[in-house]
């Protein structure tokens, strides 16, 4: 057998690709472009495990395939290198996060190169490099200097808004802005002080400072997103999290809500991901209604999508975070209500939304007046009401809303039906139903009742029709060190941008990476963290940008990563355009993907981009789960019982490192060396072996089931790893990693190698014309791979390769006309072995510079068919006949067959049915 020396082959070709810049992408208008992108990783200290490369391998296969198909392919890689883990390590050790990050990136890069990806490493970006975040800061500045004009339906310069204010005030301006903006004339504006003008403009800017309720984690010294909080504790570290109000930078993403919603219709994304974004944006058509608080000047504004049910309101509910909730508590309810608010406001919004079984609340003691019927209704605080949605207040209609119904039942509040229908099974929404018990809107159907109610609100000046979005403006600051500095300084407490010539604003040195003793962010520790202007020296912003800042536009920087004068040359972004294939996790559906779309639409409005959607096609890869192994320890001893004998002893299961287990058989010596306490371990074996138990779990260090790709590559090679990860199952599905099955893939590669060599190891290639069977085996595989590439069905292509090689091996095929296309066919999946075989076949350069084999359907057309011959309904024989035969010729051949003649026993058939290419049926 020829020796397949994968280690030498893989190192050779990885060095060749790097030296010759094989995957360097340049603008080439003469070729169609294909932009293939992976969600770039955060470089953690643990490095890659075998689950991480799954999506990268898939995108790499497509990239290599497209290159063979004549496309100009951009397939870059970089690092989302700002992040909390590096900062936490810096806090613990005092080492600058940049050092840790650099070490982690070096490790990741080494591992990625070892897998043989066709990345254009010259395009690498790192979000923590000043030459990159200079442009993140620049984009922030553009957002600060823009507002969203509703008439133009796009972002416009804040300077154009100032000119309008100077000429006509804001009475005719339709813009997305803070709700508390007051109307003013041109005379008013021109009379405003500089401070008043800046305060007003801040209410319009697309990035702005505002007091916001946030998840504050004192132990981590930063604000956390809802996704980073689990049941009141930080996901990282398990530290307590409290809800508190802080001045925060925010991005006015809500200005783009409708465009973000409509844009989903033209994207080739999975429907579940698009639906997640639709739900997150949450467009609702309804009305604002103002309720007067009894014996008070206070009012409560409620947004409702069902103003037609207003006669069914039996209480109002306020969010625990609401200032109004605290203000409306009466003395007789104070102790109980304030205690409730303290607990409720610190539950995460995610928890409050998902936990429908826990019903809690507190009566404030105050009453509101229903503006439609003058009734007094109780005002409660309830944690099912969220401060960030609508107005943070709900008009509760228990008869027609399930949560209101459960709350009313729990606290014995009135449930009043205002929509015709049965309430035997509790509340019902009654969408489209007839309105009853509702004064002047009674006996109207839903739509007409809503229109009449809204007209009443607007005539009385107590409300108006409104479109509301569930999505909130995105918080854009973290009180931490390892992030992009905001290019902002403060004068008289108001924010101003630094000059563009002073970008990048680079992170300063600090003595510690912790908040200061008085709770200020770590940047407050920096000496002279100020900005000098002609007016004096002013303090710079001490918070940094959040993790999503740099990842919201990196795909554009890849097109022009070394540009020092602009974030990317427009000619290059025009050429590469939208990403044609984006592969990454579905967990980013309502974070990264939404923010990226928002920034792209903004940059499009600015005119610096020609596209308004960044990712045309997206696939969410499933997770590769771990396959844990267990040993069974006899309680109170250091004795371990093999799996099949465990029930005979009093044992407990213990995770064991999967890397010392092979085909579920434990390596006893390595087990003893694994931990000091196991050095004198004893074993009760079955058939001379220790067999481990197994279970599919999430891959994690604590379960000792993390498999390092380096170990797989060392033992089997990168091509085996690549093929095996694709062979595990459909890309989008979750699937367990099981090293037990990798041998089959490795054997396939050796079989492929042997196809090109004699038993003595010599290259053995014939220039003879291949047989029909050889052509058929090859072209079946070509067609299958082309079809699979259309459907991104990578696992079935691997199966087709195996079938093809088995068939060719059986035919002892060594024909150049077969084996050259076969190498090309396999090359996107197993590039190293394909390159070596291509070179051995006498070709210079890389196989990637060739073309994908052309499928010829004629090779799959059959010239003969094996006819089943049925006699009196039973199949008696099969005869192989040429497909070109006529019915008469088929009949003649069938009747002259020896076996048929035997069954006919000299009798002539009463009936003969012949279907060419299918069957012969004889009735005697």
Foldseek 3Di string as FASTA:
>chain_A
DADDPQVVLLVVVLVVCVVVVVLAFDFDPVFAAAEQEEQAEALDPVEDFLFVCLLVLLSQLLQLQVLQAGHRYAYAYEHLHFDLVLLVVCQVPVDDSVVVSVVSVVRNVVQVSQLPGSHSHVLYDYCLDQLQCLQLLVLVVQQQQWFAFVVVLFIDGVVVVLVCCLAFWCPPTDTDFDPPDDTDGNVVQVPDDPVVNLVNSQRGGQKHKDWDWFWQFQVSLKTDDLVQDDFQAGVPPRGGTFTDIDTFIFGNLLSCLVVLLVVLVQFAEDPVLNVVSCVQFAKAWFKWFWWAWPPDNDIDIFTDSQLLLLLLQAAKEAELVDPVLQVLADPVFNVVQVVVSRVLRSGRLVCLCVPLPDWDKGWRPIWIASVQPRDTHTYIYTSNFDCQFTNRMDRAQFQADPSSVVNCVVVVTDHDDFFDDDCPVGHHNNQQTAGDPRPPLHRPTRVVSRVVSQVVCVVVVRMHIDITTSHGTGGWWMLWQRAQFNQWWDDPRGIDGDDSVPPPPHRADASRGHADPVSHRRSVRGPLCWDQDPVGITHGDNIHTDSLSSLLASSQCSQPVVDSPHSHQAVSCASNPANAEYEEASVCSNPNQSSNLSSLSNVVSVVSYVDNHRHRHYAYFAGAWFKWWWWWDAPPDLETEAPVCNVVGRTDIDTDQCVQAAPQWGPQCVRLVVDVVNVPHHYDDDPPTRGIDIDTGHDDVVRNRGHHVVVVCVVQRSLLSLLVSLQQFFRRYYGYDDVNPSVVSSVLLVLLLCLQADPVNHGDADQDDDDLQLLQLQLVLLVVVVVCSVVSNRNVSSVSLSSSSVSCVVVSDRYPVRSLLNLSSCCSRRVSSSQVVNVVVPDDDGSSNHHHDDRDCVSNDDQKAFAQEAEQRHGFGTDIDGLVDDPVRVVVVQCPDPRSCVVCVPPDFPDWDDDRRYYTYTYD
